[in-house]
C-alpha atoms as a PDB file:
ATOM      1  CA  MET A   1     117.943  50.399  55.162  1.00  0.00           C
ATOM      2  CA  PHE A   2     120.732  48.832  53.117  1.00  0.00           C
ATOM      3  CA  ILE A   3     120.789  46.283  50.294  1.00  0.00           C
ATOM      4  CA  ARG A   4     122.791  43.561  52.033  1.00  0.00           C
ATOM      5  CA  ASN A   5     122.355  40.776  49.470  1.00  0.00           C
ATOM      6  CA  ALA A   6     124.912  42.214  47.084  1.00  0.00           C
ATOM      7  CA  TRP A   7     128.675  42.378  46.594  1.00  0.00           C
ATOM      8  CA  TYR A   8     130.398  45.545  47.783  1.00  0.00           C
ATOM      9  CA  VAL A   9     133.995  46.715  47.712  1.00  0.00           C
ATOM     10  CA  ALA A  10     135.416  46.552  51.239  1.00  0.00           C
ATOM     11  CA  ALA A  11     138.927  47.727  50.318  1.00  0.00           C
ATOM     12  CA  TRP A  12     141.576  47.863  47.650  1.00  0.00           C
ATOM     13  CA  ALA A  13     143.690  44.720  47.800  1.00  0.00           C
ATOM     14  CA  HIS A  14     146.801  46.716  48.732  1.00  0.00           C
ATOM     15  CA  GLU A  15     145.010  48.202  51.752  1.00  0.00           C
ATOM     16  CA  VAL A  16     144.650  44.818  53.451  1.00  0.00           C
ATOM     17  CA  GLY A  17     147.822  43.475  55.017  1.00  0.00           C
ATOM     18  CA  SER A  18     149.132  41.954  58.215  1.00  0.00           C
ATOM     19  CA  GLU A  19     147.627  44.741  60.340  1.00  0.00           C
ATOM     20  CA  PRO A  20     143.886  44.612  61.070  1.00  0.00           C
ATOM     21  CA  LEU A  21     141.940  47.098  58.924  1.00  0.00           C
ATOM     22  CA  PRO A  22     138.663  48.282  60.505  1.00  0.00           C
ATOM     23  CA  ARG A  23     135.820  49.419  58.280  1.00  0.00           C
ATOM     24  CA  THR A  24     132.167  50.213  58.882  1.00  0.00           C
ATOM     25  CA  LEU A  25     130.185  48.670  56.029  1.00  0.00           C
ATOM     26  CA  LEU A  26     126.407  48.941  55.724  1.00  0.00           C
ATOM     27  CA  GLY A  27     126.284  50.093  59.335  1.00  0.00           C
ATOM     28  CA  GLU A  28     128.236  47.090  60.639  1.00  0.00           C
ATOM     29  CA  PRO A  29     131.762  47.144  62.130  1.00  0.00           C
ATOM     30  CA  VAL A  30     134.033  44.799  60.168  1.00  0.00           C
ATOM     31  CA  VAL A  31     137.736  44.042  60.509  1.00  0.00           C
ATOM     32  CA  LEU A  32     139.755  42.885  57.497  1.00  0.00           C
ATOM     33  CA  PHE A  33     143.123  41.149  57.652  1.00  0.00           C
ATOM     34  CA  ARG A  34     145.469  39.200  55.381  1.00  0.00           C
ATOM     35  CA  GLY A  35     146.990  36.026  56.766  1.00  0.00           C
ATOM     36  CA  GLU A  36     150.436  34.591  56.186  1.00  0.00           C
ATOM     37  CA  SER A  37     149.141  32.497  53.272  1.00  0.00           C
ATOM     38  CA  GLY A  38     147.734  35.608  51.585  1.00  0.00           C
ATOM     39  CA  LYS A  39     144.136  34.718  52.377  1.00  0.00           C
ATOM     40  CA  VAL A  40     141.928  37.647  53.405  1.00  0.00           C
ATOM     41  CA  GLY A  41     139.501  37.354  56.294  1.00  0.00           C
ATOM     42  CA  ALA A  42     136.577  39.605  57.200  1.00  0.00           C
ATOM     43  CA  LEU A  43     135.096  39.286  60.683  1.00  0.00           C
ATOM     44  CA  GLU A  44     132.646  41.201  62.811  1.00  0.00           C
ATOM     45  CA  ASP A  45     134.799  43.700  64.679  1.00  0.00           C
ATOM     46  CA  ARG A  46     133.852  42.348  68.102  1.00  0.00           C
ATOM     47  CA  CYS A  47     135.455  39.597  70.156  1.00  0.00           C
ATOM     48  CA  ALA A  48     133.013  36.999  71.468  1.00  0.00           C
ATOM     49  CA  HIS A  49     134.800  36.938  74.840  1.00  0.00           C
ATOM     50  CA  ARG A  50     134.403  40.460  76.211  1.00  0.00           C
ATOM     51  CA  GLY A  51     133.352  42.465  73.197  1.00  0.00           C
ATOM     52  CA  LEU A  52     136.588  44.342  72.486  1.00  0.00           C
ATOM     53  CA  PRO A  53     136.849  45.315  68.799  1.00  0.00           C
ATOM     54  CA  LEU A  54     139.202  42.884  67.086  1.00  0.00           C
ATOM     55  CA  ARG A  55     140.905  45.798  65.332  1.00  0.00           C
ATOM     56  CA  PHE A  56     143.058  46.009  68.475  1.00  0.00           C
ATOM     57  CA  GLY A  57     144.358  42.494  67.833  1.00  0.00           C
ATOM     58  CA  THR A  58     147.286  41.057  65.896  1.00  0.00           C
ATOM     59  CA  VAL A  59     147.527  38.773  62.874  1.00  0.00           C
ATOM     60  CA  THR A  60     149.416  35.509  63.459  1.00  0.00           C
ATOM     61  CA  GLY A  61     149.614  32.990  60.639  1.00  0.00           C
ATOM     62  CA  ASP A  62     146.125  32.955  59.127  1.00  0.00           C
ATOM     63  CA  THR A  63     144.400  33.924  62.387  1.00  0.00           C
ATOM     64  CA  LEU A  64     143.516  37.077  64.315  1.00  0.00           C
ATOM     65  CA  THR A  65     144.326  37.232  68.020  1.00  0.00           C
ATOM     66  CA  CYS A  66     142.202  39.475  70.225  1.00  0.00           C
ATOM     67  CA  GLY A  67     144.242  42.209  71.908  1.00  0.00           C
ATOM     68  CA  TYR A  68     142.438  41.858  75.238  1.00  0.00           C
ATOM     69  CA  HIS A  69     142.827  38.236  76.406  1.00  0.00           C
ATOM     70  CA  GLY A  70     144.453  36.479  73.445  1.00  0.00           C
ATOM     71  CA  VAL A  71     141.457  34.553  72.093  1.00  0.00           C
ATOM     72  CA  VAL A  72     142.297  33.444  68.534  1.00  0.00           C
ATOM     73  CA  PHE A  73     139.881  33.384  65.571  1.00  0.00           C
ATOM     74  CA  ASP A  74     140.425  32.053  62.061  1.00  0.00           C
ATOM     75  CA  CYS A  75     139.092  33.534  58.802  1.00  0.00           C
ATOM     76  CA  SER A  76     135.815  31.639  59.192  1.00  0.00           C
ATOM     77  CA  GLY A  77     135.192  33.268  62.578  1.00  0.00           C
ATOM     78  CA  LYS A  78     135.738  29.995  64.409  1.00  0.00           C
ATOM     79  CA  CYS A  79     137.719  30.165  67.646  1.00  0.00           C
ATOM     80  CA  ALA A  80     141.065  28.396  67.195  1.00  0.00           C
ATOM     81  CA  SER A  81     142.249  28.640  70.793  1.00  0.00           C
ATOM     82  CA  VAL A  82     141.652  30.189  74.213  1.00  0.00           C
ATOM     83  CA  PRO A  83     144.810  30.741  76.286  1.00  0.00           C
ATOM     84  CA  GLY A  84     144.973  28.366  79.244  1.00  0.00           C
ATOM     85  CA  GLN A  85     141.774  26.515  78.284  1.00  0.00           C
ATOM     86  CA  ASP A  86     141.444  23.243  76.388  1.00  0.00           C
ATOM     87  CA  ARG A  87     137.697  23.274  75.785  1.00  0.00           C
ATOM     88  CA  ILE A  88     136.417  25.911  73.402  1.00  0.00           C
ATOM     89  CA  PRO A  89     132.764  26.914  74.011  1.00  0.00           C
ATOM     90  CA  ALA A  90     130.556  26.574  70.930  1.00  0.00           C
ATOM     91  CA  ALA A  91     129.467  30.192  71.328  1.00  0.00           C
ATOM     92  CA  MET A  92     133.066  31.431  71.202  1.00  0.00           C
ATOM     93  CA  ALA A  93     132.849  32.481  67.566  1.00  0.00           C
ATOM     94  CA  VAL A  94     132.350  35.656  65.567  1.00  0.00           C
ATOM     95  CA  ARG A  95     130.481  36.300  62.354  1.00  0.00           C
ATOM     96  CA  SER A  96     132.552  36.055  59.193  1.00  0.00           C
ATOM     97  CA  PHE A  97     131.696  37.473  55.787  1.00  0.00           C
ATOM     98  CA  PRO A  98     132.315  35.945  52.332  1.00  0.00           C
ATOM     99  CA  ILE A  99     135.311  37.607  50.648  1.00  0.00           C
ATOM    100  CA  VAL A 100     136.561  37.521  47.045  1.00  0.00           C
ATOM    101  CA  GLU A 101     139.764  39.192  45.853  1.00  0.00           C
ATOM    102  CA  LYS A 102     139.451  40.171  42.201  1.00  0.00           C
ATOM    103  CA  ASP A 103     140.782  42.913  39.922  1.00  0.00           C
ATOM    104  CA  GLU A 104     142.812  44.496  42.754  1.00  0.00           C
ATOM    105  CA  LEU A 105     139.638  44.767  44.857  1.00  0.00           C
ATOM    106  CA  ILE A 106     138.408  43.034  48.009  1.00  0.00           C
ATOM    107  CA  TRP A 107     134.704  42.256  47.538  1.00  0.00           C
ATOM    108  CA  ILE A 108     132.497  41.457  50.539  1.00  0.00           C
ATOM    109  CA  TRP A 109     129.000  39.980  50.878  1.00  0.00           C
ATOM    110  CA  MET A 110     127.139  41.419  53.868  1.00  0.00           C
ATOM    111  CA  GLY A 111     123.938  39.393  53.423  1.00  0.00           C
ATOM    112  CA  GLU A 112     123.156  35.730  54.008  1.00  0.00           C
ATOM    113  CA  ALA A 113     126.356  33.806  53.278  1.00  0.00           C
ATOM    114  CA  GLN A 114     124.603  30.969  51.431  1.00  0.00           C
ATOM    115  CA  ASP A 115     123.361  33.480  48.832  1.00  0.00           C
ATOM    116  CA  ALA A 116     126.827  34.819  47.946  1.00  0.00           C
ATOM    117  CA  ASP A 117     127.189  34.096  44.220  1.00  0.00           C
ATOM    118  CA  GLU A 118     130.678  35.031  43.001  1.00  0.00           C
ATOM    119  CA  SER A 119     129.482  35.150  39.391  1.00  0.00           C
ATOM    120  CA  LYS A 120     127.624  38.368  40.243  1.00  0.00           C
ATOM    121  CA  ILE A 121     130.823  40.281  41.004  1.00  0.00           C
ATOM    122  CA  VAL A 122     131.526  43.007  38.457  1.00  0.00           C
ATOM    123  CA  ASP A 123     134.395  42.366  36.018  1.00  0.00           C
ATOM    124  CA  TYR A 124     136.965  45.105  35.475  1.00  0.00           C
ATOM    125  CA  PRO A 125     139.895  43.842  33.376  1.00  0.00           C
ATOM    126  CA  PHE A 126     141.518  47.289  33.129  1.00  0.00           C
ATOM    127  CA  HIS A 127     142.958  46.870  36.633  1.00  0.00           C
ATOM    128  CA  GLY A 128     145.220  44.046  35.579  1.00  0.00           C
ATOM    129  CA  GLY A 129     143.303  41.434  33.648  1.00  0.00           C
ATOM    130  CA  ALA A 130     143.379  40.856  29.908  1.00  0.00           C
ATOM    131  CA  THR A 131     143.442  44.560  28.995  1.00  0.00           C
ATOM    132  CA  PRO A 132     145.247  46.485  31.750  1.00  0.00           C
ATOM    133  CA  TRP A 133     145.646  50.251  31.575  1.00  0.00           C
ATOM    134  CA  PRO A 134     148.144  52.185  33.732  1.00  0.00           C
ATOM    135  CA  HIS A 135     146.170  53.411  36.718  1.00  0.00           C
ATOM    136  CA  LEU A 136     146.194  54.626  40.308  1.00  0.00           C
ATOM    137  CA  THR A 137     143.577  54.032  43.013  1.00  0.00           C
ATOM    138  CA  HIS A 138     141.985  55.934  45.871  1.00  0.00           C
ATOM    139  CA  THR A 139     139.591  55.449  48.794  1.00  0.00           C
ATOM    140  CA  GLN A 140     137.550  58.544  49.619  1.00  0.00           C
ATOM    141  CA  HIS A 141     135.321  59.015  52.672  1.00  0.00           C
ATOM    142  CA  VAL A 142     132.251  61.112  51.880  1.00  0.00           C
ATOM    143  CA  LYS A 143     129.664  62.276  54.413  1.00  0.00           C
ATOM    144  CA  CYS A 144     126.567  61.711  52.312  1.00  0.00           C
ATOM    145  CA  ASP A 145     123.938  59.105  51.522  1.00  0.00           C
ATOM    146  CA  TRP A 146     125.555  56.625  49.110  1.00  0.00           C
ATOM    147  CA  LYS A 147     122.660  56.999  46.669  1.00  0.00           C
ATOM    148  CA  LEU A 148     123.523  60.677  46.146  1.00  0.00           C
ATOM    149  CA  MET A 149     126.937  59.642  44.857  1.00  0.00           C
ATOM    150  CA  ILE A 150     125.320  57.302  42.329  1.00  0.00           C
ATOM    151  CA  GLY A 151     122.959  60.068  41.263  1.00  0.00           C
ATOM    152  CA  ASN A 152     125.887  62.454  40.820  1.00  0.00           C
ATOM    153  CA  LEU A 153     127.547  60.005  38.424  1.00  0.00           C
ATOM    154  CA  MET A 154     124.338  59.535  36.449  1.00  0.00           C
ATOM    155  CA  ASP A 155     123.818  63.231  35.576  1.00  0.00           C
ATOM    156  CA  LEU A 156     126.888  64.810  34.007  1.00  0.00           C
ATOM    157  CA  THR A 157     125.438  68.241  33.346  1.00  0.00           C
ATOM    158  CA  HIS A 158     126.964  69.238  36.697  1.00  0.00           C
ATOM    159  CA  LEU A 159     130.444  69.038  35.151  1.00  0.00           C
ATOM    160  CA  ALA A 160     130.164  72.477  33.580  1.00  0.00           C
ATOM    161  CA  TYR A 161     129.329  74.082  36.922  1.00  0.00           C
ATOM    162  CA  VAL A 162     131.099  72.058  39.630  1.00  0.00           C
ATOM    163  CA  HIS A 163     134.247  71.213  37.639  1.00  0.00           C
ATOM    164  CA  LYS A 164     134.879  74.380  35.645  1.00  0.00           C
ATOM    165  CA  GLY A 165     138.645  74.285  36.103  1.00  0.00           C
ATOM    166  CA  THR A 166     139.235  70.567  35.459  1.00  0.00           C
ATOM    167  CA  ILE A 167     136.891  68.449  33.329  1.00  0.00           C
ATOM    168  CA  GLY A 168     134.047  70.925  32.858  1.00  0.00           C
ATOM    169  CA  GLY A 169     133.914  73.032  29.748  1.00  0.00           C
ATOM    170  CA  ASP A 170     131.169  75.040  28.098  1.00  0.00           C
ATOM    171  CA  PRO A 171     127.824  74.752  29.993  1.00  0.00           C
ATOM    172  CA  ASP A 172     125.861  74.957  26.737  1.00  0.00           C
ATOM    173  CA  ALA A 173     127.800  71.991  25.350  1.00  0.00           C
ATOM    174  CA  HIS A 174     126.804  69.891  28.366  1.00  0.00           C
ATOM    175  CA  THR A 175     123.137  70.853  28.472  1.00  0.00           C
ATOM    176  CA  GLN A 176     122.750  70.426  24.702  1.00  0.00           C
ATOM    177  CA  ALA A 177     124.743  67.191  24.455  1.00  0.00           C
ATOM    178  CA  LYS A 178     123.447  64.304  22.372  1.00  0.00           C
ATOM    179  CA  PHE A 179     122.222  61.869  25.041  1.00  0.00           C
ATOM    180  CA  ASP A 180     121.308  58.205  24.536  1.00  0.00           C
ATOM    181  CA  ILE A 181     120.216  55.973  27.413  1.00  0.00           C
ATOM    182  CA  PHE A 182     120.023  52.160  27.527  1.00  0.00           C
ATOM    183  CA  PRO A 183     118.243  50.952  30.692  1.00  0.00           C
ATOM    184  CA  ASP A 184     117.860  47.346  31.841  1.00  0.00           C
ATOM    185  CA  GLU A 185     116.773  45.514  34.994  1.00  0.00           C
ATOM    186  CA  ASN A 186     120.294  45.569  36.489  1.00  0.00           C
ATOM    187  CA  GLY A 187     121.133  49.210  35.893  1.00  0.00           C
ATOM    188  CA  VAL A 188     121.549  51.658  33.055  1.00  0.00           C
ATOM    189  CA  ARG A 189     124.113  52.623  30.430  1.00  0.00           C
ATOM    190  CA  PHE A 190     124.265  55.981  28.706  1.00  0.00           C
ATOM    191  CA  ILE A 191     126.493  57.899  26.350  1.00  0.00           C
ATOM    192  CA  ARG A 192     126.714  61.657  25.948  1.00  0.00           C
ATOM    193  CA  TRP A 193     128.354  63.389  23.009  1.00  0.00           C
ATOM    194  CA  LEU A 194     129.674  66.936  23.199  1.00  0.00           C
ATOM    195  CA  LEU A 195     130.293  67.561  19.503  1.00  0.00           C
ATOM    196  CA  ASN A 196     132.462  70.389  18.203  1.00  0.00           C
ATOM    197  CA  SER A 197     133.114  71.630  21.749  1.00  0.00           C
ATOM    198  CA  MET A 198     136.022  73.319  23.453  1.00  0.00           C
ATOM    199  CA  PRO A 199     138.181  70.782  25.347  1.00  0.00           C
ATOM    200  CA  PRO A 200     138.461  71.188  29.142  1.00  0.00           C
ATOM    201  CA  LYS A 201     141.761  72.025  30.822  1.00  0.00           C
ATOM    202  CA  LEU A 202     142.457  68.437  31.914  1.00  0.00           C
ATOM    203  CA  TYR A 203     142.226  67.246  28.302  1.00  0.00           C
ATOM    204  CA  VAL A 204     144.386  70.063  26.950  1.00  0.00           C
ATOM    205  CA  ASP A 205     147.072  69.449  29.565  1.00  0.00           C
ATOM    206  CA  ALA A 206     147.055  65.740  28.731  1.00  0.00           C
ATOM    207  CA  VAL A 207     147.370  65.727  24.954  1.00  0.00           C
ATOM    208  CA  GLY A 208     147.689  69.353  23.866  1.00  0.00           C
ATOM    209  CA  PHE A 209     144.383  69.882  22.033  1.00  0.00           C
ATOM    210  CA  GLN A 210     144.441  73.200  20.165  1.00  0.00           C
ATOM    211  CA  GLU A 211     141.115  73.048  18.337  1.00  0.00           C
ATOM    212  CA  ARG A 212     137.568  71.960  19.052  1.00  0.00           C
ATOM    213  CA  VAL A 213     136.912  68.309  19.830  1.00  0.00           C
ATOM    214  CA  ASP A 214     134.215  65.661  19.671  1.00  0.00           C
ATOM    215  CA  ARG A 215     133.934  64.388  23.217  1.00  0.00           C
ATOM    216  CA  TRP A 216     132.207  61.241  24.483  1.00  0.00           C
ATOM    217  CA  MET A 217     131.141  60.211  27.991  1.00  0.00           C
ATOM    218  CA  GLU A 218     130.070  56.588  28.299  1.00  0.00           C
ATOM    219  CA  PHE A 219     128.856  55.421  31.718  1.00  0.00           C
ATOM    220  CA  GLU A 220     127.430  52.114  32.913  1.00  0.00           C
ATOM    221  CA  PHE A 221     125.699  51.726  36.286  1.00  0.00           C
ATOM    222  CA  ILE A 222     125.552  48.178  37.640  1.00  0.00           C
ATOM    223  CA  ALA A 223     123.296  48.009  40.678  1.00  0.00           C
ATOM    224  CA  PRO A 224     123.608  48.550  43.460  1.00  0.00           C
ATOM    225  CA  SER A 225     126.899  50.436  43.623  1.00  0.00           C
ATOM    226  CA  THR A 226     129.271  50.198  40.638  1.00  0.00           C
ATOM    227  CA  VAL A 227     129.779  52.638  37.771  1.00  0.00           C
ATOM    228  CA  LYS A 228     132.182  52.074  34.876  1.00  0.00           C
ATOM    229  CA  GLN A 229     133.281  55.149  32.946  1.00  0.00           C
ATOM    230  CA  PHE A 230     134.940  55.524  29.557  1.00  0.00           C
ATOM    231  CA  THR A 231     135.405  59.089  28.369  1.00  0.00           C
ATOM    232  CA  GLY A 232     137.569  60.692  25.760  1.00  0.00           C
ATOM    233  CA  ALA A 233     137.917  63.087  22.868  1.00  0.00           C
ATOM    234  CA  LEU A 234     139.342  63.453  19.389  1.00  0.00           C
ATOM    235  CA  ASN A 235     139.754  66.525  17.243  1.00  0.00           C
ATOM    236  CA  THR A 236     136.515  67.324  15.456  1.00  0.00           C
ATOM    237  CA  GLY A 237     136.509  65.624  12.057  1.00  0.00           C
ATOM    238  CA  GLU A 238     138.577  62.597  13.091  1.00  0.00           C
ATOM    239  CA  GLY A 239     135.574  60.239  13.154  1.00  0.00           C
ATOM    240  CA  ALA A 240     134.960  59.733  16.870  1.00  0.00           C
ATOM    241  CA  TYR A 241     131.199  60.116  16.490  1.00  0.00           C
ATOM    242  CA  GLU A 242     130.615  59.280  12.826  1.00  0.00           C
ATOM    243  CA  GLU A 243     132.899  56.220  12.600  1.00  0.00           C
ATOM    244  CA  GLY A 244     133.339  55.108  16.227  1.00  0.00           C
ATOM    245  CA  ASN A 245     137.050  55.923  16.153  1.00  0.00           C
ATOM    246  CA  ARG A 246     138.660  55.832  19.617  1.00  0.00           C
ATOM    247  CA  GLU A 247     142.319  55.844  18.557  1.00  0.00           C
ATOM    248  CA  GLY A 248     144.541  58.753  19.549  1.00  0.00           C
ATOM    249  CA  GLY A 249     143.469  61.869  21.350  1.00  0.00           C
ATOM    250  CA  PHE A 250     142.390  61.668  24.983  1.00  0.00           C
ATOM    251  CA  ALA A 251     141.011  58.518  26.636  1.00  0.00           C
ATOM    252  CA  LEU A 252     140.200  57.938  30.295  1.00  0.00           C
ATOM    253  CA  ARG A 253     138.658  55.024  32.191  1.00  0.00           C
ATOM    254  CA  VAL A 254     137.406  55.378  35.750  1.00  0.00           C
ATOM    255  CA  PHE A 255     136.131  52.635  38.021  1.00  0.00           C
ATOM    256  CA  HIS A 256     133.683  53.960  40.627  1.00  0.00           C
ATOM    257  CA  HIS A 257     132.234  51.972  43.513  1.00  0.00           C
ATOM    258  CA  VAL A 258     130.213  53.402  46.388  1.00  0.00           C
ATOM    259  CA  THR A 259     129.919  51.272  49.537  1.00  0.00           C
ATOM    260  CA  PRO A 260     127.458  52.525  52.171  1.00  0.00           C
ATOM    261  CA  GLU A 261     129.121  53.123  55.526  1.00  0.00           C
ATOM    262  CA  THR A 262     126.201  54.561  57.508  1.00  0.00           C
ATOM    263  CA  GLU A 263     122.961  56.270  56.536  1.00  0.00           C
ATOM    264  CA  ASP A 264     124.967  59.506  56.380  1.00  0.00           C
ATOM    265  CA  SER A 265     128.315  58.426  54.921  1.00  0.00           C
ATOM    266  CA  CYS A 266     129.903  56.198  52.307  1.00  0.00           C
ATOM    267  CA  LEU A 267     133.246  54.899  51.085  1.00  0.00           C
ATOM    268  CA  TYR A 268     134.010  55.907  47.523  1.00  0.00           C
ATOM    269  CA  PHE A 269     136.510  53.591  45.824  1.00  0.00           C
ATOM    270  CA  TRP A 270     137.791  54.816  42.482  1.00  0.00           C
ATOM    271  CA  SER A 271     140.637  54.314  40.046  1.00  0.00           C
ATOM    272  CA  GLY A 272     141.784  56.492  37.179  1.00  0.00           C
ATOM    273  CA  ALA A 273     143.433  54.901  34.121  1.00  0.00           C
ATOM    274  CA  ASN A 274     144.885  56.733  31.153  1.00  0.00           C
ATOM    275  CA  GLY A 275     144.664  55.534  27.561  1.00  0.00           C
ATOM    276  CA  TYR A 276     147.138  58.056  26.161  1.00  0.00           C
ATOM    277  CA  ARG A 277     150.910  58.244  26.647  1.00  0.00           C
ATOM    278  CA  MET A 278     150.474  54.945  28.475  1.00  0.00           C
ATOM    279  CA  ASP A 279     154.202  54.295  28.864  1.00  0.00           C
ATOM    280  CA  GLU A 280     154.771  57.510  30.845  1.00  0.00           C
ATOM    281  CA  PRO A 281     154.131  56.919  34.581  1.00  0.00           C
ATOM    282  CA  GLN A 282     154.229  60.635  35.347  1.00  0.00           C
ATOM    283  CA  VAL A 283     151.272  61.132  32.997  1.00  0.00           C
ATOM    284  CA  THR A 284     149.179  58.647  34.981  1.00  0.00           C
ATOM    285  CA  GLY A 285     150.205  60.516  38.140  1.00  0.00           C
ATOM    286  CA  GLN A 286     149.180  63.868  36.683  1.00  0.00           C
ATOM    287  CA  LEU A 287     145.828  62.454  35.594  1.00  0.00           C
ATOM    288  CA  PHE A 288     145.290  60.965  39.050  1.00  0.00           C
ATOM    289  CA  GLN A 289     145.937  64.303  40.740  1.00  0.00           C
ATOM    290  CA  GLY A 290     143.481  65.975  38.382  1.00  0.00           C
ATOM    291  CA  LEU A 291     140.848  63.386  39.248  1.00  0.00           C
ATOM    292  CA  LYS A 292     141.490  63.813  42.980  1.00  0.00           C
ATOM    293  CA  THR A 293     140.856  67.532  42.610  1.00  0.00           C
ATOM    294  CA  THR A 294     137.709  66.836  40.601  1.00  0.00           C
ATOM    295  CA  PHE A 295     136.272  64.313  43.060  1.00  0.00           C
ATOM    296  CA  ALA A 296     137.099  66.571  46.013  1.00  0.00           C
ATOM    297  CA  GLU A 297     134.845  69.152  44.326  1.00  0.00           C
ATOM    298  CA  ASP A 298     132.113  66.494  44.134  1.00  0.00           C
ATOM    299  CA  GLU A 299     132.608  65.670  47.810  1.00  0.00           C
ATOM    300  CA  ALA A 300     131.972  69.252  48.896  1.00  0.00           C
ATOM    301  CA  ILE A 301     128.801  69.469  46.796  1.00  0.00           C
ATOM    302  CA  LEU A 302     127.437  66.082  47.891  1.00  0.00           C
ATOM    303  CA  GLU A 303     128.001  66.710  51.582  1.00  0.00           C
ATOM    304  CA  ALA A 304     126.189  70.046  51.336  1.00  0.00           C
ATOM    305  CA  GLN A 305     123.384  68.409  49.326  1.00  0.00           C
ATOM    306  CA  HIS A 306     123.038  65.630  51.911  1.00  0.00           C
ATOM    307  CA  ALA A 307     122.757  68.125  54.783  1.00  0.00           C
ATOM    308  CA  SER A 308     120.156  70.110  52.865  1.00  0.00           C
ATOM    309  CA  LEU A 309     118.055  67.034  52.058  1.00  0.00           C
ATOM    310  CA  LYS A 310     118.255  65.842  55.672  1.00  0.00           C
ATOM    311  CA  ARG A 311     116.756  69.159  56.708  1.00  0.00           C
ATOM    312  CA  ARG A 312     114.116  69.180  53.977  1.00  0.00           C
ATOM    313  CA  PRO A 313     113.762  66.015  51.840  1.00  0.00           C
ATOM    314  CA  SER A 314     111.250  67.418  49.359  1.00  0.00           C
ATOM    315  CA  PRO A 315     110.484  68.656  46.840  1.00  0.00           C
ATOM    316  CA  VAL A 316     113.139  67.268  44.493  1.00  0.00           C
ATOM    317  CA  VAL A 317     112.107  67.911  40.892  1.00  0.00           C
ATOM    318  CA  ALA A 318     113.564  65.973  37.929  1.00  0.00           C
ATOM    319  CA  THR A 319     114.620  67.584  34.646  1.00  0.00           C
ATOM    320  CA  VAL A 320     115.151  66.211  31.148  1.00  0.00           C
ATOM    321  CA  HIS A 321     118.783  65.496  32.037  1.00  0.00           C
ATOM    322  CA  ASP A 322     117.791  63.107  34.852  1.00  0.00           C
ATOM    323  CA  LYS A 323     116.714  60.145  32.729  1.00  0.00           C
ATOM    324  CA  ALA A 324     119.615  57.952  33.878  1.00  0.00           C
ATOM    325  CA  VAL A 325     119.267  59.169  37.481  1.00  0.00           C
ATOM    326  CA  VAL A 326     115.585  58.252  37.533  1.00  0.00           C
ATOM    327  CA  HIS A 327     116.163  54.769  36.164  1.00  0.00           C
ATOM    328  CA  ALA A 328     119.089  54.073  38.508  1.00  0.00           C
ATOM    329  CA  ASP A 329     116.955  55.157  41.442  1.00  0.00           C
ATOM    330  CA  ARG A 330     114.148  52.874  40.278  1.00  0.00           C
ATOM    331  CA  VAL A 331     116.481  49.867  40.149  1.00  0.00           C
ATOM    332  CA  ILE A 332     117.860  50.655  43.613  1.00  0.00           C
ATOM    333  CA  ARG A 333     114.339  50.953  45.027  1.00  0.00           C
ATOM    334  CA  GLN A 334     113.438  47.566  43.553  1.00  0.00           C
ATOM    335  CA  LEU A 335     116.479  45.982  45.205  1.00  0.00           C
ATOM    336  CA  MET A 336     115.567  47.598  48.512  1.00  0.00           C
ATOM    337  CA  ALA A 337     112.052  46.190  48.245  1.00  0.00           C
ATOM    338  CA  GLN A 338     113.489  42.732  47.575  1.00  0.00           C
ATOM    339  CA  GLN A 339     115.744  43.117  50.611  1.00  0.00           C
ATOM    340  CA  SER A 340     112.749  44.044  52.768  1.00  0.00           C
ATOM    341  CA  GLU A 341     110.933  40.910  51.620  1.00  0.00           C
ATOM    342  CA  ALA A 342     113.998  38.760  52.347  1.00  0.00           C
ATOM    343  CA  ASP A 343     114.357  40.296  55.810  1.00  0.00           C
ATOM    344  CA  LEU A 344     110.697  39.607  56.527  1.00  0.00           C
ATOM    345  CA  ARG A 345     111.047  35.954  55.489  1.00  0.00           C
ATOM    346  CA  THR A 346     114.114  35.561  57.693  1.00  0.00           C
ATOM    347  CA  ALA A 347     112.394  37.162  60.669  1.00  0.00           C
ATOM    348  CA  THR A 348     109.280  35.016  60.190  1.00  0.00           C
ATOM    349  CA  ALA A 349     111.343  31.824  59.988  1.00  0.00           C
ATOM    350  CA  ALA A 350     113.307  32.752  63.104  1.00  0.00           C
ATOM    351  CA  GLN A 351     110.132  33.477  65.005  1.00  0.00           C
ATOM    352  CA  ALA A 352     108.597  30.159  63.946  1.00  0.00           C
ATOM    353  CA  ALA A 353     111.688  28.320  65.158  1.00  0.00           C
ATOM    354  CA  VAL A 354     111.361  29.696  68.685  1.00  0.00           C
END
């Protein structure tokens, strides 16, 4: 099952234009489009007339015209016109989904529309708000359970093994890192310190480290699907750990969001922003390419892991490094239980109304 009563990223804002954009979100076919006024609509990808997916239609003004018989729907899913027919049947409508465009992202609510509270959407000012960083964005399709992606982001000891040539580094430094975790009811935040460690290739290429560094990895999981990352490094002795100094050296922010597509696949929306040499666009591009390589390595691992767990789900044994993974999983399970209760109430009410 999916947690429907939550905000998910449906697309990057630049992905949605005057051509219909089909996406499968939480197992449901959705079509996104941007009208002439700039308003974004999200409708069930199925015409109420003969069931053709609306992705085959065209955008006219602020409406979407079905590509089969020309039935027109507005952003609310209401039928605006039927060619050659004055009366519009009440049933000639399609489901629409609440949409919010914020921080270069298109957020969608797949649950009950009356419960869509915009104040619960994650803030990310580094995309263009009060504190923008130069960044590039990507949408990645991964054939795995979305929860595996969250788990991968919550345990960073895999960096030394999966990402040896990019952001990895010494395995001992990762497994012996100083690790502090700060859980709450909405997710978990943690910070890992790799003190007096050798910098990975990506860091050296970025700022030319020649000695050992003090390296931090600060992650925040906001349930059900968002992770904010702030990582960086300074030369050992420059006060990164002792004094909280974050000036100079290497600094990277990554926005991660994992939207379930099906039970066996997800859409991974991420951006990479550099906090060093910020006035050099080619540097942001180089960082982005390094991240693409890194996350492609994750994709291969996660898809293999998913296939293995489908074949044999247990046992899966936690280690000392899984503290953040365990808490994130607990929060997700609680949200799934709440969704089950909400679904039961809805079903009971519908049955009583019959």
